[in-house]
């Protein structure tokens, strides 16, 4: 075959290599380029001892600023924020009333680093904050992709290297052919070689010409939603912090009393509670206002139920016989008194008085036997309060020892607890308690027992101003202070969260939008505060509100 026949075919084949191979060349693989992920908005942050702000390029021409109190992370809606870019003039941002401020910033259209100066004033406090925001080169990328080389690079993708090698080989063949050909075929070979050389330059430019110099540094960005990082920290944008009402507190080291904890339960004040028991066996009947029920408020002397004595047939016959005998004695005594009274003056007065005394005694015996047959016992409230236990049903048979009702005054409750160290129990200065659902209780020590209860010292505390909703028998944790001192950092109890490994930790607000968990060793101070003994440094910003919500971020 001559060069004059193969040269056009080789040139046409070389040009075909510029186009991608259809997807069917690799079964099972989709060669269609995936859509590019949307980048989060560039942002920067700055802080001083008074303020903390985060500036976000929320749109191509607008800068949104989140302004908070540095120590507490509390939004500052009534402040003033002015922003200067580089050496330009300061421009005042418009407040939105919720601690955010918006500024129109045309310079955000220019890729690269922008040095910003923030002038913040809130009340009598003002400060100057400096920060740098990095705007990615979006415009530069768009120009590159719309150029011819950019389109070729997007078309070839990862095939640019093999295509360049093939075209280089083709260019060598065409060069040799042009040197050896004659007449018009030399011109055809030369023209084809020029086209192939141009194609090589285009592919090389598309593959490597996008780099016009040093690439800009990556912008400081954070996700638009809270997320847990691989190191265990949590990235949370300012808008999410506002939504969850995250608040912090600056830590300081202090000294506090050492505390001990022991379990207890709520009991009724024995001076303001009572039990209602019948004095004899019988059946329950309702009073005029019905049977008392659980939760009913009662006063001293109120009738809760009525007990009708239950007497067996033999006992009833015996009592009936005794009543009949007493009735006969009453009638005889009445007749004797009447007869002697008619003989007054002729009968000594002593006999008349004896007859009258005999009559009174007979009537008393009759009155004592009457309730046995037909009398009913009224069960009355021994104290004022609320019915806590009601074991009464109409027709129910009860014995004399059965507890039918229990009355409790909810405003007068105690805590019964046990301590296994008598020395520490004897050194208690003050105490507090926490219910199983976390409610704090103020308590005063009433006394401790001298007789051990299952090897422990019994203690009783009086609850000062009990809150509503407490139940007798509910478990509580008593926290008692002793004479010994401990050094640490006092934090609200709400700051402490439970980690997956079972330990305790707090969340450290290390930067404007980043929180790091710090494992700690602590002791409770009272029902609302804890003393961190290890794991935390003074001057840290610890989350005191919203820590449990931070702990749930995954």
Protein backbone atom coordinates (compact mmCIF):
# COMPACT_ATOMS: atom_id res chain seq x y z
CA UNK A 1 0.00 0.00 0.00
CA UNK A 2 1.36 3.45 -0.90
CA UNK A 3 1.63 6.51 1.32
CA UNK A 4 -0.83 8.32 -0.89
CA UNK A 5 -3.58 5.93 0.27
CA UNK A 6 -2.83 5.66 3.93
CA UNK A 7 -2.17 9.31 4.75
CA UNK A 8 -5.79 10.54 4.57
CA UNK A 9 -6.96 7.51 6.55
CA UNK A 10 -4.37 8.09 9.25
CA UNK A 11 -5.26 11.78 9.48
CA UNK A 12 -8.98 10.99 9.74
CA UNK A 13 -8.32 8.33 12.40
CA UNK A 14 -6.21 10.79 14.39
CA UNK A 15 -9.02 13.33 14.40
CA UNK A 16 -11.49 10.68 15.57
CA UNK A 17 -9.40 10.15 18.70
CA UNK A 18 -10.44 13.61 19.91
CA UNK A 19 -13.96 12.35 20.52
CA UNK A 20 -15.00 10.17 23.46
CA UNK A 21 -15.80 6.52 23.05
CA UNK A 22 -19.48 5.64 23.63
CA UNK A 23 -20.41 4.27 27.04
CA UNK A 24 -20.91 0.80 25.66
CA UNK A 25 -17.16 0.33 25.46
CA UNK A 26 -17.12 -0.43 29.22
CA UNK A 27 -20.15 -2.49 30.17
CA UNK A 28 -21.48 -1.80 33.62
CA UNK A 29 -19.82 1.62 33.94
CA UNK A 30 -21.56 4.94 33.35
CA UNK A 31 -19.17 7.39 31.72
CA UNK A 32 -21.55 10.33 32.12
CA UNK A 33 -19.89 12.93 34.41
CA UNK A 34 -21.59 13.31 37.78
CA UNK A 35 -23.02 16.64 38.82
CA UNK A 36 -20.60 18.69 40.92
CA UNK A 37 -21.40 18.95 44.62
CA UNK A 38 -22.62 22.32 45.78
CA UNK A 39 -20.01 24.03 47.98
CA UNK A 40 -21.03 25.62 51.24
CA UNK A 41 -20.86 29.35 51.63
CA UNK A 42 -17.45 30.87 52.51
CA UNK A 43 -17.29 32.19 56.05
CA UNK A 44 -14.95 33.66 58.60
CA UNK A 45 -15.04 34.33 62.32
CA UNK A 46 -13.50 36.68 64.86
CA UNK A 47 -13.84 37.33 68.57
CA UNK A 48 -12.69 39.48 71.45
CA UNK A 49 -13.27 39.29 75.20
CA UNK A 50 -16.74 40.77 74.68
CA UNK A 51 -17.98 39.74 71.25
CA UNK A 52 -17.90 36.85 68.81
CA UNK A 53 -19.05 37.06 65.21
CA UNK A 54 -19.35 34.84 62.18
CA UNK A 55 -19.55 36.37 58.69
CA UNK A 56 -21.03 34.23 55.89
CA UNK A 57 -21.15 34.99 52.17
CA UNK A 58 -24.78 33.95 52.01
CA UNK A 59 -25.27 35.16 48.40
CA UNK A 60 -23.01 36.53 45.64
CA UNK A 61 -23.52 40.10 46.79
CA UNK A 62 -24.50 39.86 50.50
CA UNK A 63 -22.59 39.19 53.72
CA UNK A 64 -24.57 37.88 56.72
CA UNK A 65 -23.06 38.53 60.16
CA UNK A 66 -23.99 36.64 63.34
CA UNK A 67 -23.11 38.62 66.47
CA UNK A 68 -23.06 37.01 69.93
CA UNK A 69 -21.77 37.66 73.43
CA UNK A 70 -18.43 35.83 73.67
CA UNK A 71 -18.83 34.47 77.19
CA UNK A 72 -22.44 33.29 77.00
CA UNK A 73 -23.07 32.80 73.23
CA UNK A 74 -26.13 35.02 73.65
CA UNK A 75 -27.31 36.83 70.46
CA UNK A 76 -26.93 40.63 70.44
CA UNK A 77 -29.81 42.05 68.40
CA UNK A 78 -29.43 45.69 69.49
CA UNK A 79 -25.85 46.29 68.38
CA UNK A 80 -24.16 48.16 65.56
CA UNK A 81 -21.80 46.49 63.04
CA UNK A 82 -19.70 48.29 60.42
CA UNK A 83 -17.52 46.42 57.91
CA UNK A 84 -14.53 47.69 55.95
CA UNK A 85 -12.94 45.58 53.18
CA UNK A 86 -9.20 46.15 52.79
CA UNK A 87 -8.49 49.88 52.86
CA UNK A 88 -12.01 50.80 51.80
CA UNK A 89 -14.56 52.77 53.74
CA UNK A 90 -16.61 51.14 56.49
CA UNK A 91 -20.20 50.28 55.59
CA UNK A 92 -22.87 49.76 58.23
CA UNK A 93 -24.71 46.45 58.17
CA UNK A 94 -28.50 46.37 58.47
CA UNK A 95 -29.77 44.69 61.69
CA UNK A 96 -32.45 42.02 61.37
CA UNK A 97 -33.57 42.16 65.03
CA UNK A 98 -32.44 38.64 65.97
CA UNK A 99 -28.70 39.14 66.33
CA UNK A 100 -27.98 38.92 62.59
CA UNK A 101 -26.81 41.76 60.36
CA UNK A 102 -26.79 41.88 56.54
CA UNK A 103 -24.38 43.88 54.38
CA UNK A 104 -24.38 44.36 50.61
CA UNK A 105 -20.83 43.46 49.52
CA UNK A 106 -20.05 43.69 45.76
CA UNK A 107 -16.43 42.74 46.46
CA UNK A 108 -17.64 39.17 47.13
CA UNK A 109 -17.71 38.75 43.32
CA UNK A 110 -13.90 38.99 43.25
CA UNK A 111 -12.18 35.64 43.99
CA UNK A 112 -9.37 35.51 46.53
CA UNK A 113 -8.69 36.67 50.07
CA UNK A 114 -10.43 39.70 51.50
CA UNK A 115 -9.21 41.35 54.68
CA UNK A 116 -12.17 42.60 56.74
CA UNK A 117 -12.36 44.95 59.69
CA UNK A 118 -15.48 44.85 61.88
CA UNK A 119 -16.39 47.72 64.19
CA UNK A 120 -18.88 46.41 66.77
CA UNK A 121 -20.71 48.51 69.34
CA UNK A 122 -23.32 47.29 71.84
CA UNK A 123 -24.43 49.76 74.47
CA UNK A 124 -21.36 51.32 76.06
CA UNK A 125 -19.05 48.53 74.84
CA UNK A 126 -17.28 48.70 71.48
CA UNK A 127 -14.53 46.67 69.85
CA UNK A 128 -12.56 46.29 66.65
CA UNK A 129 -12.34 42.79 65.11
CA UNK A 130 -10.24 41.67 62.13
CA UNK A 131 -10.81 38.63 59.92
CA UNK A 132 -10.08 37.28 56.44
CA UNK A 133 -12.61 35.63 54.17
CA UNK A 134 -11.64 33.46 51.19
CA UNK A 135 -13.86 33.69 48.11
CA UNK A 136 -13.29 30.72 45.75
CA UNK A 137 -12.54 31.41 42.06
CA UNK A 138 -15.94 30.53 40.67
CA UNK A 139 -15.70 33.11 37.87
CA UNK A 140 -12.24 31.83 36.84
CA UNK A 141 -13.53 28.28 36.65
CA UNK A 142 -16.46 29.34 34.48
CA UNK A 143 -14.15 31.16 32.00
CA UNK A 144 -11.89 28.13 31.73
CA UNK A 145 -14.78 25.77 31.08
CA UNK A 146 -16.28 28.01 28.36
CA UNK A 147 -12.96 28.33 26.44
CA UNK A 148 -12.21 25.88 23.57
CA UNK A 149 -9.49 24.16 25.58
CA UNK A 150 -11.80 23.89 28.54
CA UNK A 151 -14.47 22.26 26.41
CA UNK A 152 -11.93 19.75 25.03
CA UNK A 153 -10.72 18.98 28.56
CA UNK A 154 -14.28 18.41 29.78
CA UNK A 155 -14.94 16.22 26.74
CA UNK A 156 -11.86 14.00 27.13
CA UNK A 157 -11.75 13.75 30.90
CA UNK A 158 -9.24 11.07 31.99
CA UNK A 159 -8.54 10.04 28.34
CA UNK A 160 -6.45 13.14 27.65
CA UNK A 161 -3.16 11.32 28.35
CA UNK A 162 -3.70 8.35 25.96
CA UNK A 163 -5.09 10.68 23.25
CA UNK A 164 -1.98 12.89 23.46
CA UNK A 165 0.29 9.84 23.08
CA UNK A 166 -1.65 8.59 20.03
CA UNK A 167 -1.55 11.99 18.37
CA UNK A 168 2.18 12.28 18.97
CA UNK A 169 2.74 8.92 17.25
CA UNK A 170 0.53 10.01 14.35
CA UNK A 171 2.46 13.27 14.03
CA UNK A 172 5.72 11.33 13.69
CA UNK A 173 4.27 9.14 10.94
CA UNK A 174 2.96 12.17 9.05
CA UNK A 175 6.28 13.93 9.32
CA UNK A 176 8.15 11.00 7.79
CA UNK A 177 5.51 10.71 5.05
CA UNK A 178 5.76 14.40 4.22
CA UNK A 179 9.52 14.10 3.80
CA UNK A 180 9.27 11.11 1.48
CA UNK A 181 6.12 12.02 -0.51
CA UNK A 182 6.16 13.79 -3.87
CA UNK A 183 4.00 16.47 -5.42
CA UNK A 184 0.62 17.19 -3.96
CA UNK A 185 0.84 14.36 -1.40
CA UNK A 186 3.71 16.14 0.30
CA UNK A 187 1.41 19.15 0.77
CA UNK A 188 -1.42 16.90 2.04
CA UNK A 189 0.95 15.21 4.51
CA UNK A 190 2.28 18.51 5.74
CA UNK A 191 -1.23 19.97 6.22
CA UNK A 192 -2.35 16.85 8.09
CA UNK A 193 0.73 17.04 10.33
CA UNK A 194 -0.09 20.66 11.14
CA UNK A 195 -3.66 19.68 12.11
CA UNK A 196 -2.38 16.87 14.35
CA UNK A 197 0.15 19.21 15.99
CA UNK A 198 -2.63 21.69 16.70
CA UNK A 199 -4.75 18.90 18.18
CA UNK A 200 -1.85 17.90 20.46
CA UNK A 201 -1.53 21.50 21.66
CA UNK A 202 -5.26 21.75 22.30
CA UNK A 203 -5.36 18.56 24.35
CA UNK A 204 -2.30 19.58 26.34
CA UNK A 205 -3.79 23.02 27.04
CA UNK A 206 -7.12 21.51 28.06
CA UNK A 207 -5.41 19.10 30.43
CA UNK A 208 -2.88 21.35 32.07
CA UNK A 209 -3.65 24.89 31.03
CA UNK A 210 -6.30 25.45 33.67
CA UNK A 211 -3.63 26.30 36.19
CA UNK A 212 -2.96 29.99 35.70
CA UNK A 213 -0.69 30.19 38.69
CA UNK A 214 -0.94 29.39 42.35
CA UNK A 215 -4.29 27.91 43.31
CA UNK A 216 -6.15 29.91 45.92
CA UNK A 217 -6.20 28.55 49.45
CA UNK A 218 -9.37 26.65 50.32
CA UNK A 219 -12.12 28.79 51.74
CA UNK A 220 -13.04 28.50 55.41
CA UNK A 221 -16.37 26.71 55.13
CA UNK A 222 -18.60 24.64 57.34
CA UNK A 223 -21.59 22.47 56.55
CA UNK A 224 -25.05 23.99 56.49
CA UNK A 225 -26.25 21.46 59.09
CA UNK A 226 -24.75 20.23 62.40
CA UNK A 227 -22.50 17.22 61.94
CA UNK A 228 -20.20 15.07 64.03
CA UNK A 229 -16.56 15.13 62.92
CA UNK A 230 -14.26 12.06 62.88
CA UNK A 231 -12.43 13.31 65.99
CA UNK A 232 -15.71 13.42 67.95
CA UNK A 233 -16.17 17.19 67.81
CA UNK A 234 -19.36 18.79 66.50
CA UNK A 235 -19.52 21.45 63.79
CA UNK A 236 -22.63 23.55 64.28
CA UNK A 237 -23.41 26.68 62.24
CA UNK A 238 -24.60 29.76 64.05
CA UNK A 239 -28.14 29.47 62.77
CA UNK A 240 -28.41 25.99 64.31
CA UNK A 241 -26.97 27.29 67.58
CA UNK A 242 -29.67 29.96 67.66
CA UNK A 243 -32.35 27.37 66.93
CA UNK A 244 -31.16 25.08 69.77
CA UNK A 245 -30.56 28.04 72.14
CA UNK A 246 -27.00 26.95 72.94
CA UNK A 247 -25.57 28.99 75.85
CA UNK A 248 -22.12 28.85 77.44
CA UNK A 249 -20.38 29.90 80.65
CA UNK A 250 -16.76 30.88 81.27
CA UNK A 251 -15.11 28.58 83.79
CA UNK A 252 -13.12 29.63 86.85
CA UNK A 253 -11.41 27.54 89.52
CA UNK A 254 -12.77 27.68 93.06
CA UNK A 255 -12.94 25.79 96.34
CA UNK A 256 -16.04 24.02 97.59
CA UNK A 257 -17.02 21.55 100.27
CA UNK A 258 -16.62 17.88 99.60
CA UNK A 259 -19.91 16.06 99.22
CA UNK A 260 -21.20 12.54 99.74
CA UNK A 261 -24.23 10.96 98.10
CA UNK A 262 -26.65 8.37 99.38
CA UNK A 263 -30.02 7.07 98.30
CA UNK A 264 -33.30 7.79 100.01
CA UNK A 265 -37.03 8.02 99.46
CA UNK A 266 -39.76 10.52 100.16
CA UNK A 267 -41.91 9.83 103.22
CA UNK A 268 -44.77 11.67 104.86
CA UNK A 269 -44.12 13.92 107.83
CA UNK A 270 -45.24 11.76 110.79
CA UNK A 271 -46.73 14.86 112.44
CA UNK A 272 -48.88 15.66 109.42
CA UNK A 273 -50.01 12.23 108.23
CA UNK A 274 -52.29 9.52 109.55
CA UNK A 275 -53.74 6.06 109.01
CA UNK A 276 -57.37 5.14 109.38
CA UNK A 277 -58.15 1.64 110.79
CA UNK A 278 -61.41 0.25 112.17
CA UNK A 279 -61.47 -0.80 115.81
CA UNK A 280 -63.42 -3.99 115.05
CA UNK A 281 -64.25 -6.29 112.19
CA UNK A 282 -67.12 -5.25 109.97
CA UNK A 283 -68.30 -4.30 106.51
CA UNK A 284 -67.64 -1.01 104.72
CA UNK A 285 -70.56 1.29 104.01
CA UNK A 286 -70.58 4.71 102.41
CA UNK A 287 -71.17 7.80 104.51
CA UNK A 288 -73.46 10.67 103.67
CA UNK A 289 -70.94 12.04 101.10
CA UNK A 290 -69.84 8.63 99.84
CA UNK A 291 -66.51 6.91 100.26
CA UNK A 292 -63.35 9.02 100.24
CA UNK A 293 -61.18 8.52 97.14
CA UNK A 294 -57.51 8.94 96.31
CA UNK A 295 -56.51 12.58 95.84
CA UNK A 296 -59.48 13.94 97.78
CA UNK A 297 -58.73 16.79 100.16
CA UNK A 298 -60.10 16.20 103.65
CA UNK A 299 -60.12 18.00 106.97
CA UNK A 300 -59.80 16.68 110.49
CA UNK A 301 -63.00 14.88 111.53
CA UNK A 302 -64.42 14.33 108.03
CA UNK A 303 -66.23 10.97 107.67
CA UNK A 304 -64.34 8.82 105.17
CA UNK A 305 -66.42 5.61 105.50
CA UNK A 306 -68.70 3.71 107.90
CA UNK A 307 -68.04 0.24 109.30
CA UNK A 308 -71.00 -1.93 110.30
CA UNK A 309 -69.87 -4.54 112.86
CA UNK A 310 -69.92 -8.10 111.60
CA UNK A 311 -71.08 -10.57 114.34
CA UNK A 312 -71.43 -14.34 113.94
CA UNK A 313 -74.77 -16.04 114.63
CA UNK A 314 -73.58 -17.66 117.90
CA UNK A 315 -72.08 -14.39 119.10
CA UNK A 316 -75.22 -12.53 118.09
CA UNK A 317 -77.33 -14.98 120.14
CA UNK A 318 -75.08 -14.59 123.16
CA UNK A 319 -75.18 -10.81 122.93
CA UNK A 320 -78.93 -10.89 122.42
CA UNK A 321 -79.35 -12.96 125.56
CA UNK A 322 -77.21 -10.50 127.48
CA UNK A 323 -79.24 -7.58 126.17
CA UNK A 324 -82.46 -9.30 127.23
CA UNK A 325 -81.11 -9.87 130.75
CA UNK A 326 -80.02 -6.25 131.01
CA UNK A 327 -83.39 -5.05 129.74
CA UNK A 328 -85.09 -7.09 132.49
CA UNK A 329 -82.76 -5.60 135.06
CA UNK A 330 -83.59 -2.11 133.81
CA UNK A 331 -87.34 -2.74 134.12
CA UNK A 332 -87.00 -4.19 137.63
CA UNK A 333 -84.80 -1.26 138.67
CA UNK A 334 -87.35 1.20 137.29
CA UNK A 335 -90.19 -0.51 139.18
CA UNK A 336 -88.20 -0.54 142.42
CA UNK A 337 -87.32 3.13 142.12
CA UNK A 338 -90.96 3.97 141.43
CA UNK A 339 -92.24 1.96 144.38
CA UNK A 340 -89.72 3.36 146.85
CA UNK A 341 -90.24 6.88 145.61
CA UNK A 342 -93.95 6.52 146.48
CA UNK A 343 -93.03 5.51 150.02
CA UNK A 344 -90.82 8.49 150.59
CA UNK A 345 -90.85 9.48 154.27
CA UNK A 346 -91.60 6.00 155.51
CA UNK A 347 -88.66 4.37 153.69
CA UNK A 348 -85.12 5.46 154.44
CA UNK A 349 -83.64 7.71 151.77
CA UNK A 350 -80.63 5.45 151.59
CA UNK A 351 -82.70 2.68 150.01
CA UNK A 352 -84.16 5.05 147.46
CA UNK A 353 -80.67 6.25 146.42
CA UNK A 354 -79.44 2.67 146.06
CA UNK A 355 -82.37 1.82 143.81
CA UNK A 356 -81.69 4.81 141.62
CA UNK A 357 -77.98 3.92 141.35
CA UNK A 358 -78.91 0.38 140.36
CA UNK A 359 -81.16 1.75 137.62
CA UNK A 360 -78.41 3.97 136.20
CA UNK A 361 -75.99 1.03 136.07
CA UNK A 362 -78.50 -1.18 134.27
CA UNK A 363 -79.15 1.47 131.67
CA UNK A 364 -75.38 1.92 131.12
CA UNK A 365 -74.95 -1.81 130.54
CA UNK A 366 -77.80 -1.67 128.04
CA UNK A 367 -76.19 1.23 126.16
CA UNK A 368 -72.87 -0.60 125.98
CA UNK A 369 -74.44 -3.68 124.42
CA UNK A 370 -76.63 -1.84 121.89
CA UNK A 371 -73.85 -0.91 119.39
CA UNK A 372 -72.79 -4.53 119.28
CA UNK A 373 -76.03 -5.40 117.58
CA UNK A 374 -76.98 -2.31 115.64
CA UNK A 375 -74.24 0.35 116.12
CA UNK A 376 -71.93 1.58 113.27
CA UNK A 377 -68.37 2.95 113.51
CA UNK A 378 -67.55 6.19 111.70
CA UNK A 379 -64.08 6.25 110.17
CA UNK A 380 -62.91 9.86 110.42
CA UNK A 381 -59.83 11.70 109.09
CA UNK A 382 -57.23 12.07 111.88
CA UNK A 383 -55.43 14.96 110.12
CA UNK A 384 -56.05 17.44 107.32
CA UNK A 385 -54.49 16.64 103.96
CA UNK A 386 -54.98 14.52 100.86
CA UNK A 387 -56.11 10.90 100.71
CA UNK A 388 -53.01 9.03 99.54
CA UNK A 389 -54.31 5.45 100.00
CA UNK A 390 -57.92 4.30 99.78
CA UNK A 391 -58.63 0.58 100.26
CA UNK A 392 -62.38 0.84 100.75
CA UNK A 393 -65.19 -0.64 98.65
CA UNK A 394 -68.83 -0.79 99.70
CA UNK A 395 -69.55 -4.22 101.18
CA UNK A 396 -65.89 -4.99 101.79
CA UNK A 397 -65.13 -6.96 104.95
CA UNK A 398 -62.31 -5.49 107.05
CA UNK A 399 -60.57 -6.57 110.21
CA UNK A 400 -59.58 -4.36 113.06
CA UNK A 401 -55.93 -4.17 111.94
CA UNK A 402 -56.56 -3.33 108.27
CA UNK A 403 -55.41 0.07 106.90
CA UNK A 404 -58.39 1.50 105.09
CA UNK A 405 -57.13 5.06 104.40
CA UNK A 406 -53.87 7.02 104.60
CA UNK A 407 -53.85 10.81 104.78
CA UNK A 408 -50.80 12.87 103.74
CA UNK A 409 -50.19 16.61 103.84
CA UNK A 410 -48.29 17.35 100.55
CA UNK A 411 -46.85 20.56 102.00
CA UNK A 412 -45.06 18.63 104.74
CA UNK A 413 -42.83 15.85 103.40
CA UNK A 414 -39.59 14.27 104.60
CA UNK A 415 -36.77 12.23 103.06
CA UNK A 416 -35.68 8.99 104.69
CA UNK A 417 -32.14 7.91 103.72
CA UNK A 418 -29.29 5.67 104.88
CA UNK A 419 -25.52 6.28 104.99
CA UNK A 420 -22.94 3.51 105.34
CA UNK A 421 -20.19 5.70 106.83
CA UNK A 422 -21.17 6.80 110.36
CA UNK A 423 -18.22 9.23 110.59
CA UNK A 424 -19.21 11.10 107.44
CA UNK A 425 -22.87 11.04 108.39
CA UNK A 426 -22.06 12.67 111.72
CA UNK A 427 -20.15 15.48 109.94
CA UNK A 428 -22.94 16.62 107.63
CA UNK A 429 -23.21 20.43 107.50
CA UNK A 430 -26.00 20.92 104.97
CA UNK A 431 -27.67 18.88 102.28
CA UNK A 432 -29.86 18.93 99.20
CA UNK A 433 -31.64 16.28 97.19
CA UNK A 434 -32.47 15.44 93.58
CA UNK A 435 -35.51 13.49 92.43
CA UNK A 436 -35.26 10.68 89.89
CA UNK A 437 -36.39 13.10 87.14
CA UNK A 438 -33.76 15.71 88.04
CA UNK A 439 -35.76 18.17 90.13
CA UNK A 440 -33.73 19.74 92.96
CA UNK A 441 -35.08 19.72 96.53
CA UNK A 442 -33.97 21.87 99.46
CA UNK A 443 -33.76 19.76 102.61
CA UNK A 444 -32.78 20.25 106.26
CA UNK A 445 -31.33 17.51 108.42
CA UNK A 446 -33.83 16.41 111.10
CA UNK A 447 -31.64 13.80 112.75
CA UNK A 448 -29.80 10.52 112.42
CA UNK A 449 -30.56 7.28 114.20
CA UNK A 450 -28.33 5.57 116.74
CA UNK A 451 -29.51 2.11 115.72
CA UNK A 452 -28.15 0.78 112.43
CA UNK A 453 -30.60 -0.31 109.77
CA UNK A 454 -29.10 -3.20 107.79
CA UNK A 455 -25.63 -1.91 108.63
CA UNK A 456 -26.36 1.70 107.67
CA UNK A 457 -27.11 4.85 109.64
CA UNK A 458 -30.71 6.04 109.13
CA UNK A 459 -31.08 9.77 108.43
CA UNK A 460 -34.16 11.89 107.99
CA UNK A 461 -34.42 15.27 106.26
CA UNK A 462 -37.26 17.76 106.10
CA UNK A 463 -38.09 19.06 102.60
CA UNK A 464 -38.30 22.84 102.61
CA UNK A 465 -41.22 24.10 100.50
CA UNK A 466 -41.86 20.84 98.57
CA UNK A 467 -42.73 21.43 94.90
CA UNK A 468 -45.92 20.04 93.47
CA UNK A 469 -46.07 16.56 92.05
CA UNK A 470 -43.96 14.76 94.66
CA UNK A 471 -45.08 11.25 95.58
CA UNK A 472 -44.51 9.42 98.82
CA UNK A 473 -42.12 6.54 98.23
CA UNK A 474 -40.38 8.17 95.23
CA UNK A 475 -36.58 7.61 95.20
CA UNK A 476 -34.25 10.58 95.63
CA UNK A 477 -30.49 11.15 95.81
CA UNK A 478 -29.33 13.08 98.86
CA UNK A 479 -26.18 15.20 98.44
CA UNK A 480 -24.63 16.18 101.77
CA UNK A 481 -21.72 18.57 102.36
CA UNK A 482 -19.00 17.68 104.85
CA UNK A 483 -16.14 19.65 106.39
CA UNK A 484 -13.47 18.61 103.85
CA UNK A 485 -12.62 20.99 100.95
CA UNK A 486 -12.08 20.26 97.24
CA UNK A 487 -10.72 22.45 94.40
CA UNK A 488 -12.39 22.46 91.01
CA UNK A 489 -14.67 24.26 88.58
CA UNK A 490 -18.32 24.80 89.44
CA UNK A 491 -20.74 24.17 86.56
CA UNK A 492 -24.50 23.80 86.25
CA UNK A 493 -25.66 20.22 86.34
CA UNK A 494 -27.18 20.69 82.87
CA UNK A 495 -23.63 21.01 81.44
CA UNK A 496 -22.79 17.36 82.08
CA UNK A 497 -23.78 14.74 79.51
CA UNK A 498 -23.37 10.97 79.44
CA UNK A 499 -20.96 9.68 76.80
CA UNK A 500 -21.37 6.39 74.89
CA UNK A 501 -18.71 4.75 77.07
CA UNK A 502 -20.71 5.57 80.19
CA UNK A 503 -18.45 8.38 81.39
CA UNK A 504 -19.34 12.01 82.04
CA UNK A 505 -18.29 14.86 79.75
CA UNK A 506 -18.93 18.53 79.01
CA UNK A 507 -18.91 20.37 75.67
CA UNK A 508 -16.12 22.95 75.18
CA UNK A 509 -16.97 25.82 72.79
CA UNK A 510 -13.48 26.05 71.24
CA UNK A 511 -14.44 28.28 68.30
CA UNK A 512 -17.50 30.04 66.99
CA UNK A 513 -18.94 26.98 65.26
CA UNK A 514 -17.05 24.06 66.78
CA UNK A 515 -17.63 22.14 70.02
CA UNK A 516 -15.31 19.51 71.52
CA UNK A 517 -16.33 16.96 74.21
CA UNK A 518 -14.14 16.96 77.33
CA UNK A 519 -14.30 13.90 79.63
CA UNK A 520 -14.40 15.05 83.26
CA UNK A 521 -14.32 13.70 86.79
CA UNK A 522 -16.78 15.47 89.04
CA UNK A 523 -18.84 15.43 92.20
CA UNK A 524 -22.26 16.90 92.83
CA UNK A 525 -22.40 20.04 94.93
CA UNK A 526 -26.16 20.25 95.29
CA UNK A 527 -29.27 19.65 93.24
CA UNK A 528 -28.31 22.16 90.53
CA UNK A 529 -24.49 22.36 90.42
CA UNK A 530 -21.50 20.05 90.08
CA UNK A 531 -17.80 20.49 90.88
CA UNK A 532 -15.46 19.35 88.07
CA UNK A 533 -12.34 17.96 89.75
CA UNK A 534 -10.33 16.97 86.64
CA UNK A 535 -10.46 17.17 82.83
CA UNK A 536 -11.14 20.90 82.40
CA UNK A 537 -9.05 24.08 82.40
CA UNK A 538 -10.13 27.48 83.76
CA UNK A 539 -11.14 29.99 81.09
CA UNK A 540 -12.92 27.46 78.89
CA UNK A 541 -16.33 28.18 77.42
CA UNK A 542 -18.54 25.29 78.49
CA UNK A 543 -22.04 24.70 77.17
CA UNK A 544 -24.53 25.10 80.02
CA UNK A 545 -27.74 25.00 77.96
CA UNK A 546 -28.31 22.68 75.01
CA UNK A 547 -25.52 20.23 75.92
CA UNK A 548 -27.86 17.24 75.65
CA UNK A 549 -28.91 18.36 72.15
CA UNK A 550 -25.27 18.71 71.08
CA UNK A 551 -24.64 15.21 72.36
CA UNK A 552 -27.27 13.84 69.97
CA UNK A 553 -25.62 15.21 66.80
CA UNK A 554 -24.30 12.45 64.57
